[in-house]
């Protein structure tokens, strides 16, 4: 008797690929914010300031994470462009 599969990845391929994309985007955003939080906390502790660098670096983490997530989404959306369209202007230089 073959072991029963709890979750068949082959049968749910699109679902798992979408879950992978959502998790990647979420972890990218959270990772950039947490990294910048710790940099800001370290600078505040080192320089003796009270939250100035933490606030600045959290904002930078949000902005940087948003830019990276936007680029990831645009890379995923690129294959959805209609065929025959190109980003090149046809001037022969690449």
N, C-alpha and C. Protein backbone atom coordinates (compact mmCIF):
# COMPACT_ATOMS: atom_id res chain seq x y z
N UNK A 1 0.84 -1.18 0.00
CA UNK A 1 0.00 0.00 0.00
C UNK A 1 0.89 1.25 0.00
N UNK A 2 0.67 2.12 -0.97
CA UNK A 2 1.47 3.34 -1.12
C UNK A 2 1.07 4.35 -0.05
N UNK A 3 2.05 5.12 0.42
CA UNK A 3 1.71 6.14 1.42
C UNK A 3 0.83 7.23 0.83
N UNK A 4 -0.11 7.66 1.61
CA UNK A 4 -1.06 8.69 1.17
C UNK A 4 -0.40 10.06 1.27
N UNK A 5 -0.47 10.83 0.20
CA UNK A 5 0.10 12.18 0.21
C UNK A 5 -0.86 13.14 0.88
N UNK A 6 -0.31 13.98 1.71
CA UNK A 6 -1.13 14.98 2.37
C UNK A 6 -1.42 16.12 1.40
N UNK A 7 -0.42 16.52 0.63
CA UNK A 7 -0.58 17.61 -0.32
C UNK A 7 0.15 17.24 -1.59
N UNK A 8 -0.55 17.20 -2.70
CA UNK A 8 0.05 16.84 -3.97
C UNK A 8 0.48 18.10 -4.71
N UNK A 9 1.80 18.33 -4.73
CA UNK A 9 2.33 19.55 -5.34
C UNK A 9 2.11 19.60 -6.85
N UNK A 10 2.17 18.45 -7.49
CA UNK A 10 1.98 18.42 -8.94
C UNK A 10 0.56 18.83 -9.32
N UNK A 11 -0.39 18.42 -8.51
CA UNK A 11 -1.79 18.73 -8.80
C UNK A 11 -2.11 20.20 -8.51
N UNK A 12 -1.40 20.80 -7.56
CA UNK A 12 -1.66 22.18 -7.14
C UNK A 12 -0.50 23.10 -7.49
N UNK A 13 0.08 22.92 -8.67
CA UNK A 13 1.29 23.66 -9.05
C UNK A 13 1.06 25.16 -9.09
N UNK A 14 -0.01 25.63 -9.69
CA UNK A 14 -0.24 27.07 -9.77
C UNK A 14 -0.45 27.67 -8.39
N UNK A 15 -1.15 26.97 -7.55
CA UNK A 15 -1.40 27.46 -6.20
C UNK A 15 -0.10 27.60 -5.43
N UNK A 16 0.77 26.60 -5.53
CA UNK A 16 2.04 26.67 -4.80
C UNK A 16 2.96 27.74 -5.38
N UNK A 17 2.94 27.94 -6.70
CA UNK A 17 3.75 29.00 -7.29
C UNK A 17 3.28 30.38 -6.83
N UNK A 18 1.98 30.57 -6.77
CA UNK A 18 1.44 31.85 -6.29
C UNK A 18 1.78 32.07 -4.82
N UNK A 19 1.71 31.01 -4.03
CA UNK A 19 2.07 31.10 -2.62
C UNK A 19 3.54 31.46 -2.47
N UNK A 20 4.38 30.90 -3.31
CA UNK A 20 5.81 31.21 -3.29
C UNK A 20 6.05 32.68 -3.58
N UNK A 21 5.36 33.23 -4.55
CA UNK A 21 5.53 34.64 -4.91
C UNK A 21 5.08 35.54 -3.76
N UNK A 22 3.95 35.24 -3.17
CA UNK A 22 3.43 36.06 -2.08
C UNK A 22 4.37 36.01 -0.87
N UNK A 23 4.88 34.83 -0.56
CA UNK A 23 5.81 34.69 0.56
C UNK A 23 7.12 35.42 0.28
N UNK A 24 7.61 35.34 -0.95
CA UNK A 24 8.85 36.01 -1.31
C UNK A 24 8.70 37.53 -1.17
N UNK A 25 7.59 38.06 -1.64
CA UNK A 25 7.36 39.49 -1.55
C UNK A 25 7.23 39.93 -0.09
N UNK A 26 6.48 39.18 0.69
CA UNK A 26 6.31 39.52 2.10
C UNK A 26 7.61 39.46 2.89
N UNK A 27 8.39 38.40 2.64
CA UNK A 27 9.67 38.28 3.35
C UNK A 27 10.68 39.32 2.91
N UNK A 28 10.64 39.70 1.65
CA UNK A 28 11.53 40.76 1.16
C UNK A 28 11.22 42.07 1.87
N UNK A 29 9.95 42.41 1.94
CA UNK A 29 9.55 43.66 2.59
C UNK A 29 9.88 43.62 4.08
N UNK A 30 9.52 42.54 4.75
CA UNK A 30 9.79 42.44 6.18
C UNK A 30 11.29 42.42 6.47
N UNK A 31 12.05 41.74 5.64
CA UNK A 31 13.49 41.66 5.84
C UNK A 31 14.17 43.01 5.73
N UNK A 32 13.77 43.80 4.75
CA UNK A 32 14.39 45.11 4.59
C UNK A 32 14.03 46.04 5.74
N UNK A 33 12.81 45.95 6.23
CA UNK A 33 12.40 46.80 7.36
C UNK A 33 13.13 46.39 8.63
N UNK A 34 13.19 45.09 8.90
CA UNK A 34 13.86 44.60 10.12
C UNK A 34 15.35 44.91 10.09
N UNK A 35 15.98 44.73 8.94
CA UNK A 35 17.41 45.04 8.82
C UNK A 35 17.65 46.52 9.13
N UNK A 36 16.86 47.39 8.52
CA UNK A 36 17.04 48.82 8.75
C UNK A 36 16.69 49.21 10.19
N UNK A 37 15.75 48.51 10.80
CA UNK A 37 15.42 48.75 12.20
C UNK A 37 16.65 48.50 13.08
N UNK A 38 17.31 47.38 12.87
CA UNK A 38 18.48 47.06 13.68
C UNK A 38 19.64 48.01 13.42
N UNK A 39 19.81 48.45 12.19
CA UNK A 39 20.85 49.44 11.89
C UNK A 39 20.54 50.74 12.63
N UNK A 40 19.29 51.17 12.59
CA UNK A 40 18.89 52.39 13.29
C UNK A 40 19.06 52.28 14.79
N UNK A 41 18.68 51.12 15.35
CA UNK A 41 18.86 50.92 16.79
C UNK A 41 20.33 50.95 17.18
N UNK A 42 21.16 50.32 16.37
CA UNK A 42 22.60 50.31 16.65
C UNK A 42 23.17 51.73 16.61
N UNK A 43 22.80 52.50 15.59
CA UNK A 43 23.31 53.87 15.48
C UNK A 43 22.81 54.74 16.63
N UNK A 44 21.55 54.58 17.02
CA UNK A 44 21.02 55.35 18.15
C UNK A 44 21.76 55.01 19.44
N UNK A 45 22.02 53.75 19.66
CA UNK A 45 22.75 53.34 20.86
C UNK A 45 24.19 53.85 20.82
N UNK A 46 24.82 53.76 19.66
CA UNK A 46 26.23 54.15 19.52
C UNK A 46 26.41 55.66 19.68
N UNK A 47 25.49 56.44 19.06
CA UNK A 47 25.61 57.90 19.09
C UNK A 47 24.87 58.54 20.26
N UNK A 48 24.10 57.76 20.99
CA UNK A 48 23.39 58.29 22.14
C UNK A 48 22.15 59.09 21.80
N UNK A 49 21.64 58.93 20.61
CA UNK A 49 20.41 59.62 20.22
C UNK A 49 19.21 58.78 20.65
N UNK A 50 18.04 59.40 20.65
CA UNK A 50 16.85 58.72 21.16
C UNK A 50 15.83 58.47 20.05
N UNK A 51 16.13 57.55 19.17
CA UNK A 51 15.15 57.13 18.17
C UNK A 51 15.21 57.85 16.85
N UNK A 52 16.09 58.80 16.70
CA UNK A 52 16.15 59.54 15.44
C UNK A 52 16.56 58.62 14.30
N UNK A 53 17.66 57.90 14.48
CA UNK A 53 18.15 57.04 13.41
C UNK A 53 17.25 55.82 13.21
N UNK A 54 16.64 55.35 14.29
CA UNK A 54 15.69 54.24 14.15
C UNK A 54 14.54 54.64 13.25
N UNK A 55 14.00 55.82 13.47
CA UNK A 55 12.89 56.30 12.65
C UNK A 55 13.31 56.50 11.20
N UNK A 56 14.47 57.13 11.02
CA UNK A 56 14.95 57.39 9.66
C UNK A 56 15.18 56.08 8.92
N UNK A 57 15.82 55.10 9.59
CA UNK A 57 16.13 53.86 8.90
C UNK A 57 14.90 52.98 8.69
N UNK A 58 13.90 53.07 9.55
CA UNK A 58 12.66 52.33 9.29
C UNK A 58 11.98 52.88 8.04
N UNK A 59 11.95 54.19 7.91
CA UNK A 59 11.36 54.81 6.70
C UNK A 59 12.16 54.39 5.47
N UNK A 60 13.50 54.42 5.58
CA UNK A 60 14.32 53.97 4.45
C UNK A 60 14.08 52.50 4.13
N UNK A 61 13.88 51.67 5.15
CA UNK A 61 13.59 50.25 4.93
C UNK A 61 12.27 50.04 4.22
N UNK A 62 11.27 50.83 4.59
CA UNK A 62 9.97 50.74 3.92
C UNK A 62 10.08 51.16 2.46
N UNK A 63 10.78 52.26 2.22
CA UNK A 63 10.93 52.74 0.85
C UNK A 63 11.76 51.75 0.02
N UNK A 64 12.89 51.31 0.58
CA UNK A 64 13.74 50.36 -0.13
C UNK A 64 13.04 49.03 -0.39
N UNK A 65 12.33 48.53 0.62
CA UNK A 65 11.58 47.29 0.43
C UNK A 65 10.49 47.44 -0.61
N UNK A 66 9.83 48.59 -0.62
CA UNK A 66 8.80 48.84 -1.62
C UNK A 66 9.36 48.86 -3.03
N UNK A 67 10.54 49.45 -3.19
CA UNK A 67 11.17 49.50 -4.51
C UNK A 67 11.55 48.10 -4.98
N UNK A 68 12.12 47.30 -4.07
CA UNK A 68 12.52 45.94 -4.44
C UNK A 68 11.29 45.09 -4.77
N UNK A 69 10.24 45.21 -3.98
CA UNK A 69 9.01 44.46 -4.24
C UNK A 69 8.39 44.89 -5.57
N UNK A 70 8.41 46.18 -5.87
CA UNK A 70 7.89 46.68 -7.14
C UNK A 70 8.67 46.05 -8.31
N UNK A 71 10.00 46.02 -8.18
CA UNK A 71 10.81 45.41 -9.25
C UNK A 71 10.51 43.93 -9.41
N UNK A 72 10.31 43.23 -8.28
CA UNK A 72 9.97 41.81 -8.36
C UNK A 72 8.64 41.60 -9.07
N UNK A 73 7.67 42.42 -8.75
CA UNK A 73 6.35 42.30 -9.37
C UNK A 73 6.44 42.62 -10.86
N UNK A 74 7.23 43.63 -11.23
CA UNK A 74 7.37 43.97 -12.64
C UNK A 74 8.09 42.86 -13.42
N UNK A 75 9.04 42.18 -12.78
CA UNK A 75 9.69 41.03 -13.43
C UNK A 75 8.69 39.91 -13.67
N UNK A 76 7.78 39.70 -12.72
CA UNK A 76 6.77 38.66 -12.89
C UNK A 76 5.76 39.04 -13.96
N UNK A 77 5.46 40.32 -14.08
CA UNK A 77 4.46 40.78 -15.05
C UNK A 77 5.04 40.87 -16.45
N UNK A 78 6.37 40.87 -16.59
CA UNK A 78 7.00 41.02 -17.90
C UNK A 78 6.59 39.94 -18.90
N UNK A 79 6.52 38.66 -18.52
CA UNK A 79 6.09 37.66 -19.50
C UNK A 79 4.65 37.84 -19.98
N UNK A 80 3.88 38.66 -19.27
CA UNK A 80 2.49 38.86 -19.65
C UNK A 80 2.32 39.92 -20.74
N UNK A 81 3.43 40.55 -21.18
CA UNK A 81 3.35 41.54 -22.25
C UNK A 81 2.88 40.87 -23.53
N UNK A 82 2.13 41.58 -24.34
CA UNK A 82 1.67 41.00 -25.60
C UNK A 82 2.85 40.68 -26.52
N UNK A 83 2.76 39.59 -27.28
CA UNK A 83 3.86 39.25 -28.18
C UNK A 83 4.04 40.31 -29.26
N UNK A 84 5.28 40.48 -29.70
CA UNK A 84 5.57 41.44 -30.73
C UNK A 84 5.93 42.80 -30.20
N UNK A 85 5.70 43.03 -28.92
CA UNK A 85 6.08 44.31 -28.31
C UNK A 85 7.45 44.17 -27.70
N UNK A 86 8.23 45.19 -27.85
CA UNK A 86 9.60 45.17 -27.35
C UNK A 86 9.90 46.48 -26.67
N UNK A 87 10.85 46.44 -25.71
CA UNK A 87 11.27 47.66 -25.06
C UNK A 87 12.27 48.42 -25.90
N UNK A 88 12.82 47.78 -26.93
CA UNK A 88 13.81 48.41 -27.79
C UNK A 88 13.11 49.29 -28.82
N UNK A 89 13.78 50.34 -29.24
CA UNK A 89 13.17 51.29 -30.16
C UNK A 89 13.46 50.96 -31.63
N UNK A 90 14.16 49.88 -31.86
CA UNK A 90 14.41 49.45 -33.23
C UNK A 90 15.47 50.24 -33.94
N UNK A 91 16.37 50.88 -33.20
CA UNK A 91 17.38 51.67 -33.87
C UNK A 91 18.67 50.87 -34.11
N UNK A 92 18.66 49.59 -33.77
CA UNK A 92 19.80 48.73 -34.07
C UNK A 92 20.90 48.76 -33.01
N UNK A 93 20.75 49.55 -31.99
CA UNK A 93 21.75 49.58 -30.92
C UNK A 93 21.17 48.91 -29.69
N UNK A 94 21.95 48.02 -29.10
CA UNK A 94 21.51 47.33 -27.88
C UNK A 94 22.48 47.54 -26.76
